[in-house]
PDB file of N, CA and C in Angstrom:
ATOM      1  N   UNK A   1       5.793  -1.359 -23.517  1.00  0.00           N
ATOM      2  CA  UNK A   1       6.178  -2.171 -22.376  1.00  0.00           C
ATOM      3  C   UNK A   1       6.845  -3.445 -22.893  1.00  0.00           C
ATOM      4  N   UNK A   2       8.011  -3.721 -22.411  1.00  0.00           N
ATOM      5  CA  UNK A   2       8.753  -4.939 -22.744  1.00  0.00           C
ATOM      6  C   UNK A   2       7.997  -6.136 -22.165  1.00  0.00           C
ATOM      7  N   UNK A   3       7.980  -7.238 -22.884  1.00  0.00           N
ATOM      8  CA  UNK A   3       7.233  -8.414 -22.414  1.00  0.00           C
ATOM      9  C   UNK A   3       7.817  -8.977 -21.118  1.00  0.00           C
ATOM     10  N   UNK A   4       9.059  -8.609 -20.792  1.00  0.00           N
ATOM     11  CA  UNK A   4       9.669  -9.074 -19.546  1.00  0.00           C
ATOM     12  C   UNK A   4       9.343  -8.160 -18.364  1.00  0.00           C
ATOM     13  N   UNK A   5       8.721  -7.006 -18.623  1.00  0.00           N
ATOM     14  CA  UNK A   5       8.387  -6.081 -17.547  1.00  0.00           C
ATOM     15  C   UNK A   5       7.278  -6.669 -16.681  1.00  0.00           C
ATOM     16  N   UNK A   6       7.366  -6.440 -15.351  1.00  0.00           N
ATOM     17  CA  UNK A   6       6.252  -6.857 -14.490  1.00  0.00           C
ATOM     18  C   UNK A   6       4.988  -6.081 -14.862  1.00  0.00           C
ATOM     19  N   UNK A   7       3.811  -6.638 -14.550  1.00  0.00           N
ATOM     20  CA  UNK A   7       2.566  -5.928 -14.853  1.00  0.00           C
ATOM     21  C   UNK A   7       2.500  -4.603 -14.102  1.00  0.00           C
ATOM     22  N   UNK A   8       1.715  -3.664 -14.594  1.00  0.00           N
ATOM     23  CA  UNK A   8       1.635  -2.357 -13.934  1.00  0.00           C
ATOM     24  C   UNK A   8       1.056  -2.448 -12.531  1.00  0.00           C
ATOM     25  N   UNK A   9       1.372  -1.453 -11.736  1.00  0.00           N
ATOM     26  CA  UNK A   9       0.781  -1.318 -10.408  1.00  0.00           C
ATOM     27  C   UNK A   9      -0.704  -1.032 -10.593  1.00  0.00           C
ATOM     28  N   UNK A  10      -1.550  -1.728  -9.837  1.00  0.00           N
ATOM     29  CA  UNK A  10      -2.991  -1.495  -9.906  1.00  0.00           C
ATOM     30  C   UNK A  10      -3.385  -0.364  -8.957  1.00  0.00           C
ATOM     31  N   UNK A  11      -4.042   0.631  -9.493  1.00  0.00           N
ATOM     32  CA  UNK A  11      -4.513   1.772  -8.707  1.00  0.00           C
ATOM     33  C   UNK A  11      -5.904   1.439  -8.168  1.00  0.00           C
ATOM     34  N   UNK A  12      -6.049   1.464  -6.843  1.00  0.00           N
ATOM     35  CA  UNK A  12      -7.342   1.156  -6.235  1.00  0.00           C
ATOM     36  C   UNK A  12      -7.718   2.250  -5.234  1.00  0.00           C
ATOM     37  N   UNK A  13      -9.018   2.483  -5.060  1.00  0.00           N
ATOM     38  CA  UNK A  13      -9.447   3.405  -4.011  1.00  0.00           C
ATOM     39  C   UNK A  13      -9.443   2.697  -2.652  1.00  0.00           C
ATOM     40  N   UNK A  14      -9.487   3.476  -1.590  1.00  0.00           N
ATOM     41  CA  UNK A  14      -9.511   2.912  -0.238  1.00  0.00           C
ATOM     42  C   UNK A  14     -10.692   1.952  -0.055  1.00  0.00           C
ATOM     43  N   UNK A  15     -11.804   2.232  -0.716  1.00  0.00           N
ATOM     44  CA  UNK A  15     -12.968   1.353  -0.591  1.00  0.00           C
ATOM     45  C   UNK A  15     -12.670  -0.044  -1.147  1.00  0.00           C
ATOM     46  N   UNK A  16     -11.847  -0.135  -2.196  1.00  0.00           N
ATOM     47  CA  UNK A  16     -11.473  -1.447  -2.738  1.00  0.00           C
ATOM     48  C   UNK A  16     -10.515  -2.174  -1.785  1.00  0.00           C
ATOM     49  N   UNK A  17      -9.626  -1.421  -1.134  1.00  0.00           N
ATOM     50  CA  UNK A  17      -8.761  -2.019  -0.111  1.00  0.00           C
ATOM     51  C   UNK A  17      -9.618  -2.661   0.981  1.00  0.00           C
ATOM     52  N   UNK A  18     -10.638  -1.950   1.418  1.00  0.00           N
ATOM     53  CA  UNK A  18     -11.563  -2.471   2.435  1.00  0.00           C
ATOM     54  C   UNK A  18     -12.266  -3.721   1.915  1.00  0.00           C
ATOM     55  N   UNK A  19     -12.704  -3.707   0.656  1.00  0.00           N
ATOM     56  CA  UNK A  19     -13.379  -4.867   0.071  1.00  0.00           C
ATOM     57  C   UNK A  19     -12.429  -6.071   0.017  1.00  0.00           C
ATOM     58  N   UNK A  20     -11.157  -5.827  -0.305  1.00  0.00           N
ATOM     59  CA  UNK A  20     -10.175  -6.922  -0.327  1.00  0.00           C
ATOM     60  C   UNK A  20     -10.062  -7.541   1.065  1.00  0.00           C
ATOM     61  N   UNK A  21     -10.009  -6.697   2.086  1.00  0.00           N
ATOM     62  CA  UNK A  21      -9.963  -7.190   3.468  1.00  0.00           C
ATOM     63  C   UNK A  21     -11.229  -7.980   3.803  1.00  0.00           C
ATOM     64  N   UNK A  22     -12.374  -7.418   3.435  1.00  0.00           N
ATOM     65  CA  UNK A  22     -13.653  -8.060   3.745  1.00  0.00           C
ATOM     66  C   UNK A  22     -13.771  -9.427   3.077  1.00  0.00           C
ATOM     67  N   UNK A  23     -13.145  -9.578   1.911  1.00  0.00           N
ATOM     68  CA  UNK A  23     -13.153 -10.876   1.219  1.00  0.00           C
ATOM     69  C   UNK A  23     -12.135 -11.850   1.814  1.00  0.00           C
ATOM     70  N   UNK A  24     -11.331 -11.377   2.757  1.00  0.00           N
ATOM     71  CA  UNK A  24     -10.340 -12.236   3.389  1.00  0.00           C
ATOM     72  C   UNK A  24      -9.094 -12.453   2.550  1.00  0.00           C
ATOM     73  N   UNK A  25      -8.860 -11.570   1.576  1.00  0.00           N
ATOM     74  CA  UNK A  25      -7.657 -11.704   0.746  1.00  0.00           C
ATOM     75  C   UNK A  25      -6.421 -11.455   1.611  1.00  0.00           C
ATOM     76  N   UNK A  26      -5.382 -12.234   1.356  1.00  0.00           N
ATOM     77  CA  UNK A  26      -4.126 -12.060   2.087  1.00  0.00           C
ATOM     78  C   UNK A  26      -3.229 -11.107   1.297  1.00  0.00           C
ATOM     79  N   UNK A  27      -2.760 -10.068   1.958  1.00  0.00           N
ATOM     80  CA  UNK A  27      -1.819  -9.134   1.329  1.00  0.00           C
ATOM     81  C   UNK A  27      -1.104  -8.351   2.418  1.00  0.00           C
ATOM     82  N   UNK A  28       0.059  -7.850   2.069  1.00  0.00           N
ATOM     83  CA  UNK A  28       0.791  -6.951   2.948  1.00  0.00           C
ATOM     84  C   UNK A  28       0.275  -5.544   2.709  1.00  0.00           C
ATOM     85  N   UNK A  29       0.013  -4.795   3.776  1.00  0.00           N
ATOM     86  CA  UNK A  29      -0.387  -3.399   3.651  1.00  0.00           C
ATOM     87  C   UNK A  29       0.732  -2.541   4.219  1.00  0.00           C
ATOM     88  N   UNK A  30       1.341  -1.738   3.348  1.00  0.00           N
ATOM     89  CA  UNK A  30       2.534  -0.990   3.718  1.00  0.00           C
ATOM     90  C   UNK A  30       2.239   0.512   3.690  1.00  0.00           C
ATOM     91  N   UNK A  31       2.540   1.159   4.800  1.00  0.00           N
ATOM     92  CA  UNK A  31       2.354   2.592   4.987  1.00  0.00           C
ATOM     93  C   UNK A  31       3.693   3.278   4.718  1.00  0.00           C
ATOM     94  N   UNK A  32       3.754   4.111   3.690  1.00  0.00           N
ATOM     95  CA  UNK A  32       5.022   4.741   3.320  1.00  0.00           C
ATOM     96  C   UNK A  32       5.157   6.165   3.873  1.00  0.00           C
ATOM     97  N   UNK A  33       4.258   6.565   4.765  1.00  0.00           N
ATOM     98  CA  UNK A  33       4.340   7.901   5.352  1.00  0.00           C
ATOM     99  C   UNK A  33       5.423   7.952   6.437  1.00  0.00           C
ATOM    100  N   UNK A  34       5.575   9.116   7.037  1.00  0.00           N
ATOM    101  CA  UNK A  34       6.562   9.284   8.101  1.00  0.00           C
ATOM    102  C   UNK A  34       6.020   8.700   9.407  1.00  0.00           C
ATOM    103  N   UNK A  35       6.905   8.360  10.348  1.00  0.00           N
ATOM    104  CA  UNK A  35       6.435   7.889  11.657  1.00  0.00           C
ATOM    105  C   UNK A  35       5.495   8.890  12.339  1.00  0.00           C
ATOM    106  N   UNK A  36       5.750  10.194  12.192  1.00  0.00           N
ATOM    107  CA  UNK A  36       4.869  11.193  12.801  1.00  0.00           C
ATOM    108  C   UNK A  36       3.472  11.162  12.185  1.00  0.00           C
ATOM    109  N   UNK A  37       3.389  11.040  10.853  1.00  0.00           N
ATOM    110  CA  UNK A  37       2.081  10.949  10.201  1.00  0.00           C
ATOM    111  C   UNK A  37       1.345   9.698  10.681  1.00  0.00           C
ATOM    112  N   UNK A  38       2.080   8.597  10.769  1.00  0.00           N
ATOM    113  CA  UNK A  38       1.493   7.325  11.189  1.00  0.00           C
ATOM    114  C   UNK A  38       1.001   7.391  12.628  1.00  0.00           C
ATOM    115  N   UNK A  39       1.741   8.120  13.490  1.00  0.00           N
ATOM    116  CA  UNK A  39       1.330   8.254  14.890  1.00  0.00           C
ATOM    117  C   UNK A  39      -0.002   8.998  15.001  1.00  0.00           C
ATOM    118  N   UNK A  40      -0.244   9.902  14.049  1.00  0.00           N
ATOM    119  CA  UNK A  40      -1.479  10.686  14.069  1.00  0.00           C
ATOM    120  C   UNK A  40      -2.668   9.895  13.538  1.00  0.00           C
ATOM    121  N   UNK A  41      -2.450   9.126  12.470  1.00  0.00           N
ATOM    122  CA  UNK A  41      -3.537   8.389  11.814  1.00  0.00           C
ATOM    123  C   UNK A  41      -2.954   7.168  11.119  1.00  0.00           C
ATOM    124  N   UNK A  42      -3.534   5.990  11.381  1.00  0.00           N
ATOM    125  CA  UNK A  42      -3.024   4.762  10.765  1.00  0.00           C
ATOM    126  C   UNK A  42      -4.177   3.829  10.422  1.00  0.00           C
ATOM    127  N   UNK A  43      -3.945   2.989   9.417  1.00  0.00           N
ATOM    128  CA  UNK A  43      -4.884   1.927   9.072  1.00  0.00           C
ATOM    129  C   UNK A  43      -4.436   0.685   9.841  1.00  0.00           C
ATOM    130  N   UNK A  44      -5.330   0.141  10.648  1.00  0.00           N
ATOM    131  CA  UNK A  44      -4.996  -1.040  11.457  1.00  0.00           C
ATOM    132  C   UNK A  44      -4.459  -2.156  10.568  1.00  0.00           C
ATOM    133  N   UNK A  45      -3.385  -2.784  11.013  1.00  0.00           N
ATOM    134  CA  UNK A  45      -2.811  -3.901  10.282  1.00  0.00           C
ATOM    135  C   UNK A  45      -1.750  -3.501   9.269  1.00  0.00           C
ATOM    136  N   UNK A  46      -1.550  -2.192   9.057  1.00  0.00           N
ATOM    137  CA  UNK A  46      -0.517  -1.758   8.117  1.00  0.00           C
ATOM    138  C   UNK A  46       0.844  -1.767   8.803  1.00  0.00           C
ATOM    139  N   UNK A  47       1.885  -1.804   7.987  1.00  0.00           N
ATOM    140  CA  UNK A  47       3.266  -1.792   8.492  1.00  0.00           C
ATOM    141  C   UNK A  47       3.969  -0.562   7.936  1.00  0.00           C
ATOM    142  N   UNK A  48       4.696   0.129   8.797  1.00  0.00           N
ATOM    143  CA  UNK A  48       5.484   1.277   8.362  1.00  0.00           C
ATOM    144  C   UNK A  48       6.638   0.793   7.499  1.00  0.00           C
ATOM    145  N   UNK A  49       6.856   1.469   6.388  1.00  0.00           N
ATOM    146  CA  UNK A  49       7.963   1.086   5.505  1.00  0.00           C
ATOM    147  C   UNK A  49       9.271   1.652   6.064  1.00  0.00           C
ATOM    148  N   UNK A  50       9.823   0.919   7.031  1.00  0.00           N
ATOM    149  CA  UNK A  50      11.135   1.251   7.566  1.00  0.00           C
ATOM    150  C   UNK A  50      12.134   0.242   7.006  1.00  0.00           C
ATOM    151  N   UNK A  51      13.362   0.320   7.414  1.00  0.00           N
ATOM    152  CA  UNK A  51      14.404  -0.565   6.886  1.00  0.00           C
ATOM    153  C   UNK A  51      14.030  -2.035   7.111  1.00  0.00           C
ATOM    154  N   UNK A  52      13.567  -2.374   8.295  1.00  0.00           N
ATOM    155  CA  UNK A  52      13.223  -3.770   8.616  1.00  0.00           C
ATOM    156  C   UNK A  52      12.089  -4.284   7.718  1.00  0.00           C
ATOM    157  N   UNK A  53      11.044  -3.477   7.554  1.00  0.00           N
ATOM    158  CA  UNK A  53       9.927  -3.882   6.694  1.00  0.00           C
ATOM    159  C   UNK A  53      10.396  -4.011   5.249  1.00  0.00           C
ATOM    160  N   UNK A  54      11.201  -3.048   4.799  1.00  0.00           N
ATOM    161  CA  UNK A  54      11.715  -3.087   3.431  1.00  0.00           C
ATOM    162  C   UNK A  54      12.460  -4.389   3.177  1.00  0.00           C
ATOM    163  N   UNK A  55      13.368  -4.730   4.087  1.00  0.00           N
ATOM    164  CA  UNK A  55      14.155  -5.959   3.920  1.00  0.00           C
ATOM    165  C   UNK A  55      13.256  -7.197   3.935  1.00  0.00           C
ATOM    166  N   UNK A  56      12.247  -7.214   4.808  1.00  0.00           N
ATOM    167  CA  UNK A  56      11.363  -8.389   4.875  1.00  0.00           C
ATOM    168  C   UNK A  56      10.513  -8.497   3.608  1.00  0.00           C
ATOM    169  N   UNK A  57      10.084  -7.365   3.044  1.00  0.00           N
ATOM    170  CA  UNK A  57       9.305  -7.408   1.808  1.00  0.00           C
ATOM    171  C   UNK A  57      10.129  -7.971   0.657  1.00  0.00           C
ATOM    172  N   UNK A  58      11.399  -7.596   0.606  1.00  0.00           N
ATOM    173  CA  UNK A  58      12.254  -8.099  -0.477  1.00  0.00           C
ATOM    174  C   UNK A  58      12.435  -9.611  -0.415  1.00  0.00           C
ATOM    175  N   UNK A  59      12.192 -10.202   0.752  1.00  0.00           N
ATOM    176  CA  UNK A  59      12.319 -11.654   0.907  1.00  0.00           C
ATOM    177  C   UNK A  59      11.057 -12.400   0.474  1.00  0.00           C
ATOM    178  N   UNK A  60       9.981 -11.686   0.237  1.00  0.00           N
ATOM    179  CA  UNK A  60       8.717 -12.325  -0.151  1.00  0.00           C
ATOM    180  C   UNK A  60       8.799 -12.887  -1.564  1.00  0.00           C
ATOM    181  N   UNK A  61       7.904 -13.829  -1.844  1.00  0.00           N
ATOM    182  CA  UNK A  61       7.718 -14.330  -3.201  1.00  0.00           C
ATOM    183  C   UNK A  61       7.339 -13.142  -4.088  1.00  0.00           C
ATOM    184  N   UNK A  62       7.916 -13.014  -5.282  1.00  0.00           N
ATOM    185  CA  UNK A  62       7.584 -11.884  -6.161  1.00  0.00           C
ATOM    186  C   UNK A  62       6.103 -11.806  -6.542  1.00  0.00           C
ATOM    187  N   UNK A  63       5.357 -12.892  -6.331  1.00  0.00           N
ATOM    188  CA  UNK A  63       3.921 -12.872  -6.620  1.00  0.00           C
ATOM    189  C   UNK A  63       3.080 -12.504  -5.401  1.00  0.00           C
ATOM    190  N   UNK A  64       3.728 -12.279  -4.250  1.00  0.00           N
ATOM    191  CA  UNK A  64       2.987 -11.913  -3.038  1.00  0.00           C
ATOM    192  C   UNK A  64       2.284 -10.570  -3.261  1.00  0.00           C
ATOM    193  N   UNK A  65       1.004 -10.485  -2.908  1.00  0.00           N
ATOM    194  CA  UNK A  65       0.304  -9.212  -3.065  1.00  0.00           C
ATOM    195  C   UNK A  65       0.738  -8.203  -2.002  1.00  0.00           C
ATOM    196  N   UNK A  66       1.066  -6.990  -2.459  1.00  0.00           N
ATOM    197  CA  UNK A  66       1.463  -5.913  -1.553  1.00  0.00           C
ATOM    198  C   UNK A  66       0.692  -4.664  -1.955  1.00  0.00           C
ATOM    199  N   UNK A  67       0.030  -4.049  -0.970  1.00  0.00           N
ATOM    200  CA  UNK A  67      -0.676  -2.791  -1.184  1.00  0.00           C
ATOM    201  C   UNK A  67       0.064  -1.691  -0.429  1.00  0.00           C
ATOM    202  N   UNK A  68       0.260  -0.569  -1.093  1.00  0.00           N
ATOM    203  CA  UNK A  68       0.955   0.568  -0.503  1.00  0.00           C
ATOM    204  C   UNK A  68      -0.011   1.722  -0.328  1.00  0.00           C
ATOM    205  N   UNK A  69       0.144   2.466   0.788  1.00  0.00           N
ATOM    206  CA  UNK A  69      -0.651   3.681   0.965  1.00  0.00           C
ATOM    207  C   UNK A  69       0.196   4.763   1.614  1.00  0.00           C
ATOM    208  N   UNK A  70      -0.202   6.004   1.355  1.00  0.00           N
ATOM    209  CA  UNK A  70       0.404   7.163   2.008  1.00  0.00           C
ATOM    210  C   UNK A  70      -0.744   8.106   2.365  1.00  0.00           C
ATOM    211  N   UNK A  71      -0.522   9.410   2.239  1.00  0.00           N
ATOM    212  CA  UNK A  71      -1.580  10.364   2.559  1.00  0.00           C
ATOM    213  C   UNK A  71      -2.585  10.477   1.414  1.00  0.00           C
ATOM    214  N   UNK A  72      -2.097  10.767   0.192  1.00  0.00           N
ATOM    215  CA  UNK A  72      -2.980  10.963  -0.967  1.00  0.00           C
ATOM    216  C   UNK A  72      -2.659  10.055  -2.144  1.00  0.00           C
ATOM    217  N   UNK A  73      -1.649   9.176  -2.063  1.00  0.00           N
ATOM    218  CA  UNK A  73      -1.388   8.218  -3.130  1.00  0.00           C
ATOM    219  C   UNK A  73      -0.144   8.440  -3.966  1.00  0.00           C
ATOM    220  N   UNK A  74       0.548   9.566  -3.804  1.00  0.00           N
ATOM    221  CA  UNK A  74       1.722   9.827  -4.641  1.00  0.00           C
ATOM    222  C   UNK A  74       2.974   9.088  -4.153  1.00  0.00           C
ATOM    223  N   UNK A  75       3.286   9.228  -2.865  1.00  0.00           N
ATOM    224  CA  UNK A  75       4.466   8.530  -2.330  1.00  0.00           C
ATOM    225  C   UNK A  75       4.301   7.019  -2.419  1.00  0.00           C
ATOM    226  N   UNK A  76       3.087   6.544  -2.167  1.00  0.00           N
ATOM    227  CA  UNK A  76       2.858   5.094  -2.230  1.00  0.00           C
ATOM    228  C   UNK A  76       2.973   4.583  -3.664  1.00  0.00           C
ATOM    229  N   UNK A  77       2.571   5.384  -4.647  1.00  0.00           N
ATOM    230  CA  UNK A  77       2.726   4.987  -6.049  1.00  0.00           C
ATOM    231  C   UNK A  77       4.214   4.819  -6.371  1.00  0.00           C
ATOM    232  N   UNK A  78       5.030   5.747  -5.896  1.00  0.00           N
ATOM    233  CA  UNK A  78       6.480   5.656  -6.131  1.00  0.00           C
ATOM    234  C   UNK A  78       7.060   4.407  -5.463  1.00  0.00           C
ATOM    235  N   UNK A  79       6.612   4.104  -4.256  1.00  0.00           N
ATOM    236  CA  UNK A  79       7.097   2.903  -3.555  1.00  0.00           C
ATOM    237  C   UNK A  79       6.681   1.641  -4.302  1.00  0.00           C
ATOM    238  N   UNK A  80       5.434   1.595  -4.763  1.00  0.00           N
ATOM    239  CA  UNK A  80       4.953   0.428  -5.513  1.00  0.00           C
ATOM    240  C   UNK A  80       5.761   0.255  -6.793  1.00  0.00           C
ATOM    241  N   UNK A  81       6.042   1.358  -7.479  1.00  0.00           N
ATOM    242  CA  UNK A  81       6.851   1.280  -8.698  1.00  0.00           C
ATOM    243  C   UNK A  81       8.260   0.763  -8.395  1.00  0.00           C
ATOM    244  N   UNK A  82       8.809   1.169  -7.258  1.00  0.00           N
ATOM    245  CA  UNK A  82      10.131   0.666  -6.862  1.00  0.00           C
ATOM    246  C   UNK A  82      10.088  -0.862  -6.728  1.00  0.00           C
ATOM    247  N   UNK A  83       9.067  -1.380  -6.049  1.00  0.00           N
ATOM    248  CA  UNK A  83       8.963  -2.830  -5.883  1.00  0.00           C
ATOM    249  C   UNK A  83       8.674  -3.518  -7.217  1.00  0.00           C
ATOM    250  N   UNK A  84       7.968  -2.840  -8.102  1.00  0.00           N
ATOM    251  CA  UNK A  84       7.748  -3.386  -9.449  1.00  0.00           C
ATOM    252  C   UNK A  84       9.091  -3.571 -10.149  1.00  0.00           C
ATOM    253  N   UNK A  85       9.970  -2.595  -9.999  1.00  0.00           N
ATOM    254  CA  UNK A  85      11.298  -2.697 -10.617  1.00  0.00           C
ATOM    255  C   UNK A  85      12.137  -3.809  -9.989  1.00  0.00           C
ATOM    256  N   UNK A  86      11.786  -4.213  -8.774  1.00  0.00           N
ATOM    257  CA  UNK A  86      12.477  -5.325  -8.113  1.00  0.00           C
ATOM    258  C   UNK A  86      11.906  -6.678  -8.550  1.00  0.00           C
ATOM    259  N   UNK A  87      10.898  -6.656  -9.445  1.00  0.00           N
ATOM    260  CA  UNK A  87      10.343  -7.890  -9.985  1.00  0.00           C
ATOM    261  C   UNK A  87       9.026  -8.343  -9.372  1.00  0.00           C
ATOM    262  N   UNK A  88       8.451  -7.544  -8.466  1.00  0.00           N
ATOM    263  CA  UNK A  88       7.167  -7.915  -7.877  1.00  0.00           C
ATOM    264  C   UNK A  88       6.053  -7.684  -8.892  1.00  0.00           C
ATOM    265  N   UNK A  89       5.058  -8.578  -8.900  1.00  0.00           N
ATOM    266  CA  UNK A  89       4.054  -8.563  -9.972  1.00  0.00           C
ATOM    267  C   UNK A  89       2.617  -8.356  -9.488  1.00  0.00           C
ATOM    268  N   UNK A  90       2.408  -8.278  -8.181  1.00  0.00           N
ATOM    269  CA  UNK A  90       1.048  -8.207  -7.649  1.00  0.00           C
ATOM    270  C   UNK A  90       0.965  -7.013  -6.696  1.00  0.00           C
ATOM    271  N   UNK A  91       1.058  -5.808  -7.276  1.00  0.00           N
ATOM    272  CA  UNK A  91       1.175  -4.588  -6.483  1.00  0.00           C
ATOM    273  C   UNK A  91      -0.045  -3.689  -6.643  1.00  0.00           C
ATOM    274  N   UNK A  92      -0.395  -3.041  -5.537  1.00  0.00           N
ATOM    275  CA  UNK A  92      -1.531  -2.119  -5.500  1.00  0.00           C
ATOM    276  C   UNK A  92      -1.084  -0.787  -4.912  1.00  0.00           C
ATOM    277  N   UNK A  93      -1.645   0.290  -5.417  1.00  0.00           N
ATOM    278  CA  UNK A  93      -1.476   1.601  -4.821  1.00  0.00           C
ATOM    279  C   UNK A  93      -2.857   2.114  -4.427  1.00  0.00           C
ATOM    280  N   UNK A  94      -3.006   2.468  -3.147  1.00  0.00           N
ATOM    281  CA  UNK A  94      -4.263   3.062  -2.689  1.00  0.00           C
ATOM    282  C   UNK A  94      -4.231   4.523  -3.117  1.00  0.00           C
ATOM    283  N   UNK A  95      -4.907   4.799  -4.217  1.00  0.00           N
ATOM    284  CA  UNK A  95      -4.747   6.088  -4.899  1.00  0.00           C
ATOM    285  C   UNK A  95      -5.263   7.281  -4.111  1.00  0.00           C
ATOM    286  N   UNK A  96      -6.190   7.055  -3.180  1.00  0.00           N
ATOM    287  CA  UNK A  96      -6.664   8.172  -2.349  1.00  0.00           C
ATOM    288  C   UNK A  96      -6.108   8.103  -0.930  1.00  0.00           C
ATOM    289  N   UNK A  97      -5.214   7.152  -0.692  1.00  0.00           N
ATOM    290  CA  UNK A  97      -4.466   7.075   0.561  1.00  0.00           C
ATOM    291  C   UNK A  97      -5.312   7.007   1.821  1.00  0.00           C
ATOM    292  N   UNK A  98      -4.651   7.364   2.921  1.00  0.00           N
ATOM    293  CA  UNK A  98      -5.354   7.331   4.201  1.00  0.00           C
ATOM    294  C   UNK A  98      -6.440   8.397   4.252  1.00  0.00           C
ATOM    295  N   UNK A  99      -6.312   9.427   3.426  1.00  0.00           N
ATOM    296  CA  UNK A  99      -7.370  10.430   3.360  1.00  0.00           C
ATOM    297  C   UNK A  99      -8.666   9.792   2.858  1.00  0.00           C
ATOM    298  N   UNK A 100      -8.556   8.961   1.818  1.00  0.00           N
ATOM    299  CA  UNK A 100      -9.727   8.244   1.319  1.00  0.00           C
ATOM    300  C   UNK A 100     -10.264   7.248   2.339  1.00  0.00           C
ATOM    301  N   UNK A 101      -9.344   6.599   3.052  1.00  0.00           N
ATOM    302  CA  UNK A 101      -9.757   5.651   4.100  1.00  0.00           C
ATOM    303  C   UNK A 101     -10.580   6.389   5.154  1.00  0.00           C
ATOM    304  N   UNK A 102     -10.111   7.562   5.579  1.00  0.00           N
ATOM    305  CA  UNK A 102     -10.814   8.356   6.598  1.00  0.00           C
ATOM    306  C   UNK A 102     -12.181   8.806   6.103  1.00  0.00           C
ATOM    307  N   UNK A 103     -12.251   9.219   4.828  1.00  0.00           N
ATOM    308  CA  UNK A 103     -13.508   9.753   4.288  1.00  0.00           C
ATOM    309  C   UNK A 103     -14.540   8.681   3.979  1.00  0.00           C
ATOM    310  N   UNK A 104     -14.087   7.559   3.408  1.00  0.00           N
ATOM    311  CA  UNK A 104     -15.032   6.606   2.823  1.00  0.00           C
ATOM    312  C   UNK A 104     -15.106   5.247   3.514  1.00  0.00           C
ATOM    313  N   UNK A 105     -14.145   4.950   4.410  1.00  0.00           N
ATOM    314  CA  UNK A 105     -14.131   3.630   5.050  1.00  0.00           C
ATOM    315  C   UNK A 105     -14.269   3.731   6.558  1.00  0.00           C
ATOM    316  N   UNK A 106     -13.394   4.504   7.196  1.00  0.00           N
ATOM    317  CA  UNK A 106     -13.370   4.556   8.671  1.00  0.00           C
ATOM    318  C   UNK A 106     -13.203   5.998   9.143  1.00  0.00           C
ATOM    319  N   UNK A 107     -14.325   6.684   9.386  1.00  0.00           N
ATOM    320  CA  UNK A 107     -14.246   8.083   9.799  1.00  0.00           C
ATOM    321  C   UNK A 107     -13.601   8.290  11.169  1.00  0.00           C
ATOM    322  N   UNK A 108     -13.353   7.215  11.920  1.00  0.00           N
ATOM    323  CA  UNK A 108     -12.661   7.379  13.202  1.00  0.00           C
ATOM    324  C   UNK A 108     -11.164   7.653  13.010  1.00  0.00           C
ATOM    325  N   UNK A 109     -10.647   7.394  11.804  1.00  0.00           N
ATOM    326  CA  UNK A 109      -9.249   7.716  11.511  1.00  0.00           C
ATOM    327  C   UNK A 109      -9.186   9.207  11.186  1.00  0.00           C
ATOM    328  N   UNK A 110      -8.395   9.973  11.950  1.00  0.00           N
ATOM    329  CA  UNK A 110      -8.363  11.424  11.736  1.00  0.00           C
ATOM    330  C   UNK A 110      -7.840  11.823  10.363  1.00  0.00           C
ATOM    331  N   UNK A 111      -8.399  12.912   9.834  1.00  0.00           N
ATOM    332  CA  UNK A 111      -7.896  13.488   8.591  1.00  0.00           C
ATOM    333  C   UNK A 111      -6.925  14.599   8.927  1.00  0.00           C
ATOM    334  N   UNK A 112      -5.975  14.834   8.037  1.00  0.00           N
ATOM    335  CA  UNK A 112      -5.023  15.944   8.242  1.00  0.00           C
ATOM    336  C   UNK A 112      -4.620  16.510   6.912  1.00  0.00           C
TER     337      UNK A 112
END
């Protein structure tokens, strides 16, 4: 890793995302799934990664904390890596995605 590279994306489980919220940490929570997936099941307070959200995220301070989630963690990892390449340094990937959120944090969120 080049010393100029941003730090790696931090992989966290859904339970750690919940703990961050419970501690009152400020961060953007970005849902990289499709609008149809989001309509079926969503984490309250998350934002769909559409063009408008993408543009607004790029305007943030590069040290702003941003957490990404999808269904199981693969698409969100790719999105987090993209923002890492844009110079962001405080990035999280919810490695078990909304599936982990449904199983371990909020069973009222449907699984699919």
